[in-house]
Amino acid sequence: MLNATAPGAASLSGRIDMDSCAGLARPLIQLAAQGPLRLDLSGVEAADSAALALLLSARRAAAAAGHALTLSGMPAGLATLAGLYDLEALLCAGE
């Protein structure tokens, strides 16, 4: 689930996987393109490689619009998965 928590801030929670990412992609990309965004991931209970693709898409949208996307509260399992794909520099920076 994606929640805008304040201007420039949002959170993802629950299970972020192939099934849920389809519904999260468009709203997250729109938020990331609107302005600098701090995305709290501490409520993510489980995630798979689709979650990484979702976060990378949001990062690309933010960069294309000239904005920063900062991720915080990355769960250990998602950080480990990012490490397996050698994506720590893109996804774990700024915590």
PDB file of N, CA and C in Angstrom:
ATOM      1  N   MET A   1       0.838  -1.164   0.000  1.00  0.00           N
ATOM      2  CA  MET A   1       0.000   0.000   0.000  1.00  0.00           C
ATOM      3  C   MET A   1       0.896   1.244   0.000  1.00  0.00           C
ATOM      4  N   LEU A   2       0.499   2.228  -0.794  1.00  0.00           N
ATOM      5  CA  LEU A   2       1.223   3.491  -0.889  1.00  0.00           C
ATOM      6  C   LEU A   2       0.390   4.573  -0.213  1.00  0.00           C
ATOM      7  N   ASN A   3       0.999   5.298   0.721  1.00  0.00           N
ATOM      8  CA  ASN A   3       0.328   6.394   1.414  1.00  0.00           C
ATOM      9  C   ASN A   3       1.182   7.646   1.329  1.00  0.00           C
ATOM     10  N   ALA A   4       0.591   8.740   0.855  1.00  0.00           N
ATOM     11  CA  ALA A   4       1.251  10.032   0.925  1.00  0.00           C
ATOM     12  C   ALA A   4       1.075  10.506   2.363  1.00  0.00           C
ATOM     13  N   THR A   5       2.160  10.715   3.080  1.00  0.00           N
ATOM     14  CA  THR A   5       2.081  11.042   4.499  1.00  0.00           C
ATOM     15  C   THR A   5       2.222  12.536   4.777  1.00  0.00           C
ATOM     16  N   ALA A   6       2.831  13.262   3.862  1.00  0.00           N
ATOM     17  CA  ALA A   6       3.031  14.706   3.978  1.00  0.00           C
ATOM     18  C   ALA A   6       3.538  15.183   2.620  1.00  0.00           C
ATOM     19  N   PRO A   7       3.539  16.488   2.390  1.00  0.00           N
ATOM     20  CA  PRO A   7       4.128  16.949   1.124  1.00  0.00           C
ATOM     21  C   PRO A   7       5.583  16.472   1.020  1.00  0.00           C
ATOM     22  N   GLY A   8       5.895  15.780  -0.052  1.00  0.00           N
ATOM     23  CA  GLY A   8       7.247  15.283  -0.259  1.00  0.00           C
ATOM     24  C   GLY A   8       7.583  14.029   0.511  1.00  0.00           C
ATOM     25  N   ALA A   9       6.581  13.389   1.107  1.00  0.00           N
ATOM     26  CA  ALA A   9       6.833  12.177   1.885  1.00  0.00           C
ATOM     27  C   ALA A   9       5.718  11.165   1.641  1.00  0.00           C
ATOM     28  N   ALA A  10       6.119   9.904   1.596  1.00  0.00           N
ATOM     29  CA  ALA A  10       5.164   8.816   1.407  1.00  0.00           C
ATOM     30  C   ALA A  10       5.723   7.561   2.053  1.00  0.00           C
ATOM     31  N   SER A  11       4.853   6.555   2.164  1.00  0.00           N
ATOM     32  CA  SER A  11       5.307   5.282   2.715  1.00  0.00           C
ATOM     33  C   SER A  11       4.718   4.134   1.909  1.00  0.00           C
ATOM     34  N   LEU A  12       5.475   3.065   1.857  1.00  0.00           N
ATOM     35  CA  LEU A  12       5.009   1.803   1.300  1.00  0.00           C
ATOM     36  C   LEU A  12       4.876   0.831   2.452  1.00  0.00           C
ATOM     37  N   SER A  13       3.816   0.024   2.420  1.00  0.00           N
ATOM     38  CA  SER A  13       3.631  -0.944   3.493  1.00  0.00           C
ATOM     39  C   SER A  13       2.993  -2.211   2.954  1.00  0.00           C
ATOM     40  N   GLY A  14       3.062  -3.250   3.766  1.00  0.00           N
ATOM     41  CA  GLY A  14       2.476  -4.528   3.392  1.00  0.00           C
ATOM     42  C   GLY A  14       3.411  -5.357   2.539  1.00  0.00           C
ATOM     43  N   ARG A  15       2.815  -6.181   1.737  1.00  0.00           N
ATOM     44  CA  ARG A  15       3.568  -7.074   0.854  1.00  0.00           C
ATOM     45  C   ARG A  15       3.755  -6.366  -0.490  1.00  0.00           C
ATOM     46  N   ILE A  16       5.013  -6.183  -0.897  1.00  0.00           N
ATOM     47  CA  ILE A  16       5.331  -5.525  -2.165  1.00  0.00           C
ATOM     48  C   ILE A  16       5.948  -6.592  -3.059  1.00  0.00           C
ATOM     49  N   ASP A  17       5.118  -7.130  -3.939  1.00  0.00           N
ATOM     50  CA  ASP A  17       5.552  -8.230  -4.802  1.00  0.00           C
ATOM     51  C   ASP A  17       4.937  -8.078  -6.189  1.00  0.00           C
ATOM     52  N   MET A  18       5.114  -9.087  -7.016  1.00  0.00           N
ATOM     53  CA  MET A  18       4.642  -9.024  -8.388  1.00  0.00           C
ATOM     54  C   MET A  18       3.141  -8.716  -8.448  1.00  0.00           C
ATOM     55  N   ASP A  19       2.372  -9.261  -7.544  1.00  0.00           N
ATOM     56  CA  ASP A  19       0.928  -9.037  -7.546  1.00  0.00           C
ATOM     57  C   ASP A  19       0.553  -7.604  -7.189  1.00  0.00           C
ATOM     58  N   SER A  20       1.235  -7.014  -6.243  1.00  0.00           N
ATOM     59  CA  SER A  20       0.865  -5.673  -5.779  1.00  0.00           C
ATOM     60  C   SER A  20       1.531  -4.541  -6.557  1.00  0.00           C
ATOM     61  N   CYS A  21       2.642  -4.813  -7.202  1.00  0.00           N
ATOM     62  CA  CYS A  21       3.396  -3.746  -7.866  1.00  0.00           C
ATOM     63  C   CYS A  21       2.658  -3.106  -9.035  1.00  0.00           C
ATOM     64  N   ALA A  22       1.833  -3.868  -9.718  1.00  0.00           N
ATOM     65  CA  ALA A  22       1.101  -3.311 -10.857  1.00  0.00           C
ATOM     66  C   ALA A  22       0.237  -2.126 -10.429  1.00  0.00           C
ATOM     67  N   GLY A  23      -0.400  -2.237  -9.289  1.00  0.00           N
ATOM     68  CA  GLY A  23      -1.236  -1.151  -8.802  1.00  0.00           C
ATOM     69  C   GLY A  23      -0.473  -0.025  -8.134  1.00  0.00           C
ATOM     70  N   LEU A  24       0.764  -0.266  -7.775  1.00  0.00           N
ATOM     71  CA  LEU A  24       1.578   0.752  -7.094  1.00  0.00           C
ATOM     72  C   LEU A  24       2.422   1.576  -8.061  1.00  0.00           C
ATOM     73  N   ALA A  25       2.733   1.021  -9.212  1.00  0.00           N
ATOM     74  CA  ALA A  25       3.697   1.653 -10.116  1.00  0.00           C
ATOM     75  C   ALA A  25       3.286   3.058 -10.535  1.00  0.00           C
ATOM     76  N   ARG A  26       2.114   3.203 -11.111  1.00  0.00           N
ATOM     77  CA  ARG A  26       1.709   4.521 -11.621  1.00  0.00           C
ATOM     78  C   ARG A  26       1.648   5.585 -10.524  1.00  0.00           C
ATOM     79  N   PRO A  27       0.962   5.338  -9.389  1.00  0.00           N
ATOM     80  CA  PRO A  27       0.922   6.394  -8.370  1.00  0.00           C
ATOM     81  C   PRO A  27       2.289   6.724  -7.768  1.00  0.00           C
ATOM     82  N   LEU A  28       3.152   5.726  -7.600  1.00  0.00           N
ATOM     83  CA  LEU A  28       4.477   6.002  -7.051  1.00  0.00           C
ATOM     84  C   LEU A  28       5.321   6.797  -8.034  1.00  0.00           C
ATOM     85  N   ILE A  29       5.274   6.436  -9.290  1.00  0.00           N
ATOM     86  CA  ILE A  29       6.031   7.169 -10.306  1.00  0.00           C
ATOM     87  C   ILE A  29       5.546   8.618 -10.397  1.00  0.00           C
ATOM     88  N   GLN A  30       4.239   8.825 -10.312  1.00  0.00           N
ATOM     89  CA  GLN A  30       3.701  10.190 -10.337  1.00  0.00           C
ATOM     90  C   GLN A  30       4.187  10.997  -9.140  1.00  0.00           C
ATOM     91  N   LEU A  31       4.179  10.397  -7.958  1.00  0.00           N
ATOM     92  CA  LEU A  31       4.687  11.094  -6.766  1.00  0.00           C
ATOM     93  C   LEU A  31       6.162  11.451  -6.916  1.00  0.00           C
ATOM     94  N   ALA A  32       6.936  10.505  -7.412  1.00  0.00           N
ATOM     95  CA  ALA A  32       8.380  10.730  -7.562  1.00  0.00           C
ATOM     96  C   ALA A  32       8.675  11.817  -8.582  1.00  0.00           C
ATOM     97  N   ALA A  33       7.828  11.971  -9.574  1.00  0.00           N
ATOM     98  CA  ALA A  33       8.057  12.972 -10.618  1.00  0.00           C
ATOM     99  C   ALA A  33       7.589  14.372 -10.208  1.00  0.00           C
ATOM    100  N   GLN A  34       6.762  14.462  -9.162  1.00  0.00           N
ATOM    101  CA  GLN A  34       6.210  15.755  -8.746  1.00  0.00           C
ATOM    102  C   GLN A  34       7.203  16.638  -8.011  1.00  0.00           C
ATOM    103  N   GLY A  35       8.126  16.045  -7.317  1.00  0.00           N
ATOM    104  CA  GLY A  35       9.088  16.815  -6.534  1.00  0.00           C
ATOM    105  C   GLY A  35       9.920  15.875  -5.697  1.00  0.00           C
ATOM    106  N   PRO A  36      10.849  16.412  -4.928  1.00  0.00           N
ATOM    107  CA  PRO A  36      11.667  15.553  -4.066  1.00  0.00           C
ATOM    108  C   PRO A  36      10.754  14.701  -3.184  1.00  0.00           C
ATOM    109  N   LEU A  37      11.124  13.440  -3.025  1.00  0.00           N
ATOM    110  CA  LEU A  37      10.276  12.509  -2.284  1.00  0.00           C
ATOM    111  C   LEU A  37      11.114  11.680  -1.327  1.00  0.00           C
ATOM    112  N   ARG A  38      10.659  11.610  -0.085  1.00  0.00           N
ATOM    113  CA  ARG A  38      11.254  10.711   0.904  1.00  0.00           C
ATOM    114  C   ARG A  38      10.261   9.569   1.084  1.00  0.00           C
ATOM    115  N   LEU A  39      10.690   8.366   0.745  1.00  0.00           N
ATOM    116  CA  LEU A  39       9.834   7.190   0.766  1.00  0.00           C
ATOM    117  C   LEU A  39      10.235   6.277   1.910  1.00  0.00           C
ATOM    118  N   ASP A  40       9.335   6.094   2.863  1.00  0.00           N
ATOM    119  CA  ASP A  40       9.573   5.255   4.027  1.00  0.00           C
ATOM    120  C   ASP A  40       9.152   3.825   3.706  1.00  0.00           C
ATOM    121  N   LEU A  41      10.077   2.899   3.834  1.00  0.00           N
ATOM    122  CA  LEU A  41       9.831   1.495   3.531  1.00  0.00           C
ATOM    123  C   LEU A  41       9.705   0.639   4.788  1.00  0.00           C
ATOM    124  N   SER A  42       9.698   1.248   5.954  1.00  0.00           N
ATOM    125  CA  SER A  42       9.721   0.479   7.199  1.00  0.00           C
ATOM    126  C   SER A  42       8.476  -0.385   7.397  1.00  0.00           C
ATOM    127  N   GLY A  43       7.389  -0.084   6.710  1.00  0.00           N
ATOM    128  CA  GLY A  43       6.173  -0.882   6.835  1.00  0.00           C
ATOM    129  C   GLY A  43       6.082  -2.036   5.859  1.00  0.00           C
ATOM    130  N   VAL A  44       7.115  -2.219   5.042  1.00  0.00           N
ATOM    131  CA  VAL A  44       7.102  -3.326   4.078  1.00  0.00           C
ATOM    132  C   VAL A  44       7.348  -4.628   4.835  1.00  0.00           C
ATOM    133  N   GLU A  45       6.371  -5.535   4.739  1.00  0.00           N
ATOM    134  CA  GLU A  45       6.452  -6.805   5.452  1.00  0.00           C
ATOM    135  C   GLU A  45       7.188  -7.875   4.661  1.00  0.00           C
ATOM    136  N   ALA A  46       7.032  -7.853   3.351  1.00  0.00           N
ATOM    137  CA  ALA A  46       7.690  -8.822   2.477  1.00  0.00           C
ATOM    138  C   ALA A  46       7.835  -8.175   1.109  1.00  0.00           C
ATOM    139  N   ALA A  47       8.898  -8.556   0.398  1.00  0.00           N
ATOM    140  CA  ALA A  47       9.145  -7.975  -0.922  1.00  0.00           C
ATOM    141  C   ALA A  47       9.912  -8.976  -1.768  1.00  0.00           C
ATOM    142  N   ASP A  48       9.721  -8.868  -3.074  1.00  0.00           N
ATOM    143  CA  ASP A  48      10.479  -9.704  -4.002  1.00  0.00           C
ATOM    144  C   ASP A  48      11.160  -8.803  -5.029  1.00  0.00           C
ATOM    145  N   SER A  49      11.694  -9.390  -6.069  1.00  0.00           N
ATOM    146  CA  SER A  49      12.430  -8.600  -7.051  1.00  0.00           C
ATOM    147  C   SER A  49      11.541  -7.587  -7.766  1.00  0.00           C
ATOM    148  N   ALA A  50      10.231  -7.800  -7.795  1.00  0.00           N
ATOM    149  CA  ALA A  50       9.328  -6.808  -8.381  1.00  0.00           C
ATOM    150  C   ALA A  50       9.368  -5.509  -7.576  1.00  0.00           C
ATOM    151  N   ALA A  51       9.573  -5.607  -6.268  1.00  0.00           N
ATOM    152  CA  ALA A  51       9.700  -4.411  -5.436  1.00  0.00           C
ATOM    153  C   ALA A  51      10.936  -3.613  -5.836  1.00  0.00           C
ATOM    154  N   LEU A  52      12.020  -4.301  -6.138  1.00  0.00           N
ATOM    155  CA  LEU A  52      13.222  -3.606  -6.610  1.00  0.00           C
ATOM    156  C   LEU A  52      12.940  -2.879  -7.920  1.00  0.00           C
ATOM    157  N   ALA A  53      12.254  -3.544  -8.834  1.00  0.00           N
ATOM    158  CA  ALA A  53      11.909  -2.917 -10.113  1.00  0.00           C
ATOM    159  C   ALA A  53      11.026  -1.693  -9.885  1.00  0.00           C
ATOM    160  N   LEU A  54      10.093  -1.783  -8.955  1.00  0.00           N
ATOM    161  CA  LEU A  54       9.225  -0.657  -8.626  1.00  0.00           C
ATOM    162  C   LEU A  54      10.038   0.529  -8.115  1.00  0.00           C
ATOM    163  N   LEU A  55      10.956   0.270  -7.196  1.00  0.00           N
ATOM    164  CA  LEU A  55      11.785   1.344  -6.640  1.00  0.00           C
ATOM    165  C   LEU A  55      12.711   1.946  -7.691  1.00  0.00           C
ATOM    166  N   LEU A  56      13.254   1.107  -8.565  1.00  0.00           N
ATOM    167  CA  LEU A  56      14.101   1.625  -9.634  1.00  0.00           C
ATOM    168  C   LEU A  56      13.296   2.484 -10.600  1.00  0.00           C
ATOM    169  N   SER A  57      12.072   2.106 -10.894  1.00  0.00           N
ATOM    170  CA  SER A  57      11.211   2.911 -11.769  1.00  0.00           C
ATOM    171  C   SER A  57      10.921   4.270 -11.143  1.00  0.00           C
ATOM    172  N   ALA A  58      10.661   4.270  -9.851  1.00  0.00           N
ATOM    173  CA  ALA A  58      10.419   5.529  -9.144  1.00  0.00           C
ATOM    174  C   ALA A  58      11.668   6.397  -9.155  1.00  0.00           C
ATOM    175  N   ARG A  59      12.833   5.775  -8.955  1.00  0.00           N
ATOM    176  CA  ARG A  59      14.085   6.540  -8.983  1.00  0.00           C
ATOM    177  C   ARG A  59      14.319   7.147 -10.360  1.00  0.00           C
ATOM    178  N   ARG A  60      14.045   6.375 -11.423  1.00  0.00           N
ATOM    179  CA  ARG A  60      14.199   6.902 -12.792  1.00  0.00           C
ATOM    180  C   ARG A  60      13.250   8.066 -13.044  1.00  0.00           C
ATOM    181  N   ALA A  61      12.006   7.955 -12.596  1.00  0.00           N
ATOM    182  CA  ALA A  61      11.026   9.030 -12.783  1.00  0.00           C
ATOM    183  C   ALA A  61      11.464  10.298 -12.051  1.00  0.00           C
ATOM    184  N   ALA A  62      11.955  10.138 -10.835  1.00  0.00           N
ATOM    185  CA  ALA A  62      12.431  11.285 -10.067  1.00  0.00           C
ATOM    186  C   ALA A  62      13.621  11.932 -10.762  1.00  0.00           C
ATOM    187  N   ALA A  63      14.573  11.127 -11.192  1.00  0.00           N
ATOM    188  CA  ALA A  63      15.770  11.660 -11.857  1.00  0.00           C
ATOM    189  C   ALA A  63      15.402  12.361 -13.162  1.00  0.00           C
ATOM    190  N   ALA A  64      14.482  11.791 -13.919  1.00  0.00           N
ATOM    191  CA  ALA A  64      14.080  12.399 -15.195  1.00  0.00           C
ATOM    192  C   ALA A  64      13.429  13.760 -14.971  1.00  0.00           C
ATOM    193  N   ALA A  65      12.763  13.930 -13.832  1.00  0.00           N
ATOM    194  CA  ALA A  65      12.124  15.199 -13.509  1.00  0.00           C
ATOM    195  C   ALA A  65      13.059  16.137 -12.745  1.00  0.00           C
ATOM    196  N   GLY A  66      14.284  15.672 -12.482  1.00  0.00           N
ATOM    197  CA  GLY A  66      15.257  16.499 -11.779  1.00  0.00           C
ATOM    198  C   GLY A  66      15.057  16.545 -10.274  1.00  0.00           C
ATOM    199  N   HIS A  67      14.434  15.503  -9.726  1.00  0.00           N
ATOM    200  CA  HIS A  67      14.150  15.458  -8.290  1.00  0.00           C
ATOM    201  C   HIS A  67      14.903  14.311  -7.622  1.00  0.00           C
ATOM    202  N   ALA A  68      15.041  14.431  -6.324  1.00  0.00           N
ATOM    203  CA  ALA A  68      15.670  13.368  -5.534  1.00  0.00           C
ATOM    204  C   ALA A  68      14.604  12.422  -5.001  1.00  0.00           C
ATOM    205  N   LEU A  69      14.947  11.161  -4.918  1.00  0.00           N
ATOM    206  CA  LEU A  69      14.137  10.155  -4.243  1.00  0.00           C
ATOM    207  C   LEU A  69      15.016   9.557  -3.155  1.00  0.00           C
ATOM    208  N   THR A  70      14.596   9.722  -1.912  1.00  0.00           N
ATOM    209  CA  THR A  70      15.340   9.204  -0.780  1.00  0.00           C
ATOM    210  C   THR A  70      14.533   8.079  -0.148  1.00  0.00           C
ATOM    211  N   LEU A  71      15.161   6.951   0.032  1.00  0.00           N
ATOM    212  CA  LEU A  71      14.513   5.799   0.657  1.00  0.00           C
ATOM    213  C   LEU A  71      14.975   5.694   2.098  1.00  0.00           C
ATOM    214  N   SER A  72      14.038   5.409   2.987  1.00  0.00           N
ATOM    215  CA  SER A  72      14.403   5.211   4.395  1.00  0.00           C
ATOM    216  C   SER A  72      13.696   3.967   4.921  1.00  0.00           C
ATOM    217  N   GLY A  73      14.248   3.414   5.982  1.00  0.00           N
ATOM    218  CA  GLY A  73      13.627   2.277   6.635  1.00  0.00           C
ATOM    219  C   GLY A  73      13.578   1.009   5.802  1.00  0.00           C
ATOM    220  N   MET A  74      14.562   0.828   4.944  1.00  0.00           N
ATOM    221  CA  MET A  74      14.549  -0.365   4.095  1.00  0.00           C
ATOM    222  C   MET A  74      14.671  -1.619   4.956  1.00  0.00           C
ATOM    223  N   PRO A  75      13.707  -2.535   4.831  1.00  0.00           N
ATOM    224  CA  PRO A  75      13.789  -3.784   5.595  1.00  0.00           C
ATOM    225  C   PRO A  75      15.020  -4.596   5.201  1.00  0.00           C
ATOM    226  N   ALA A  76      15.522  -5.373   6.138  1.00  0.00           N
ATOM    227  CA  ALA A  76      16.744  -6.150   5.905  1.00  0.00           C
ATOM    228  C   ALA A  76      16.612  -7.083   4.711  1.00  0.00           C
ATOM    229  N   GLY A  77      15.474  -7.734   4.556  1.00  0.00           N
ATOM    230  CA  GLY A  77      15.296  -8.655   3.432  1.00  0.00           C
ATOM    231  C   GLY A  77      15.366  -7.952   2.088  1.00  0.00           C
ATOM    232  N   LEU A  78      14.789  -6.766   2.008  1.00  0.00           N
ATOM    233  CA  LEU A  78      14.838  -6.009   0.754  1.00  0.00           C
ATOM    234  C   LEU A  78      16.251  -5.496   0.493  1.00  0.00           C
ATOM    235  N   ALA A  79      16.940  -5.081   1.544  1.00  0.00           N
ATOM    236  CA  ALA A  79      18.332  -4.643   1.395  1.00  0.00           C
ATOM    237  C   ALA A  79      19.217  -5.802   0.930  1.00  0.00           C
ATOM    238  N   THR A  80      18.974  -6.985   1.463  1.00  0.00           N
ATOM    239  CA  THR A  80      19.727  -8.168   1.047  1.00  0.00           C
ATOM    240  C   THR A  80      19.469  -8.477  -0.420  1.00  0.00           C
ATOM    241  N   LEU A  81      18.216  -8.386  -0.823  1.00  0.00           N
ATOM    242  CA  LEU A  81      17.865  -8.618  -2.222  1.00  0.00           C
ATOM    243  C   LEU A  81      18.531  -7.578  -3.131  1.00  0.00           C
ATOM    244  N   ALA A  82      18.551  -6.326  -2.702  1.00  0.00           N
ATOM    245  CA  ALA A  82      19.231  -5.280  -3.473  1.00  0.00           C
ATOM    246  C   ALA A  82      20.719  -5.607  -3.593  1.00  0.00           C
ATOM    247  N   GLY A  83      21.294  -6.149  -2.538  1.00  0.00           N
ATOM    248  CA  GLY A  83      22.699  -6.540  -2.578  1.00  0.00           C
ATOM    249  C   GLY A  83      22.961  -7.669  -3.555  1.00  0.00           C
ATOM    250  N   LEU A  84      22.053  -8.627  -3.613  1.00  0.00           N
ATOM    251  CA  LEU A  84      22.216  -9.736  -4.559  1.00  0.00           C
ATOM    252  C   LEU A  84      22.239  -9.256  -6.004  1.00  0.00           C
ATOM    253  N   TYR A  85      21.497  -8.184  -6.274  1.00  0.00           N
ATOM    254  CA  TYR A  85      21.445  -7.629  -7.631  1.00  0.00           C
ATOM    255  C   TYR A  85      22.430  -6.473  -7.818  1.00  0.00           C
ATOM    256  N   ASP A  86      23.270  -6.228  -6.808  1.00  0.00           N
ATOM    257  CA  ASP A  86      24.271  -5.158  -6.852  1.00  0.00           C
ATOM    258  C   ASP A  86      23.608  -3.789  -7.057  1.00  0.00           C
ATOM    259  N   LEU A  87      22.535  -3.538  -6.311  1.00  0.00           N
ATOM    260  CA  LEU A  87      21.783  -2.288  -6.438  1.00  0.00           C
ATOM    261  C   LEU A  87      21.859  -1.412  -5.181  1.00  0.00           C
ATOM    262  N   GLU A  88      22.739  -1.774  -4.245  1.00  0.00           N
ATOM    263  CA  GLU A  88      22.802  -1.007  -3.013  1.00  0.00           C
ATOM    264  C   GLU A  88      23.060   0.474  -3.254  1.00  0.00           C
ATOM    265  N   ALA A  89      23.947   0.789  -4.161  1.00  0.00           N
ATOM    266  CA  ALA A  89      24.289   2.194  -4.414  1.00  0.00           C
ATOM    267  C   ALA A  89      23.075   2.980  -4.894  1.00  0.00           C
ATOM    268  N   LEU A  90      22.200   2.344  -5.629  1.00  0.00           N
ATOM    269  CA  LEU A  90      21.011   3.023  -6.141  1.00  0.00           C
ATOM    270  C   LEU A  90      19.878   3.061  -5.126  1.00  0.00           C
ATOM    271  N   LEU A  91      19.731   2.012  -4.356  1.00  0.00           N
ATOM    272  CA  LEU A  91      18.549   1.897  -3.511  1.00  0.00           C
ATOM    273  C   LEU A  91      18.788   2.100  -2.029  1.00  0.00           C
ATOM    274  N   CYS A  92      19.968   1.853  -1.548  1.00  0.00           N
ATOM    275  CA  CYS A  92      20.189   1.933  -0.106  1.00  0.00           C
ATOM    276  C   CYS A  92      20.829   3.238   0.323  1.00  0.00           C
ATOM    277  N   ALA A  93      21.256   4.055  -0.616  1.00  0.00           N
ATOM    278  CA  ALA A  93      21.867   5.340  -0.271  1.00  0.00           C
ATOM    279  C   ALA A  93      20.815   6.263   0.336  1.00  0.00           C
ATOM    280  N   GLY A  94      21.229   7.082   1.248  1.00  0.00           N
ATOM    281  CA  GLY A  94      20.348   8.075   1.830  1.00  0.00           C
ATOM    282  C   GLY A  94      19.566   7.592   3.034  1.00  0.00           C
ATOM    283  N   GLU A  95      19.845   6.416   3.540  1.00  0.00           N
ATOM    284  CA  GLU A  95      19.114   5.928   4.705  1.00  0.00           C
ATOM    285  C   GLU A  95      19.655   6.594   5.951  1.00  0.00           C
TER     286      GLU A  95
END
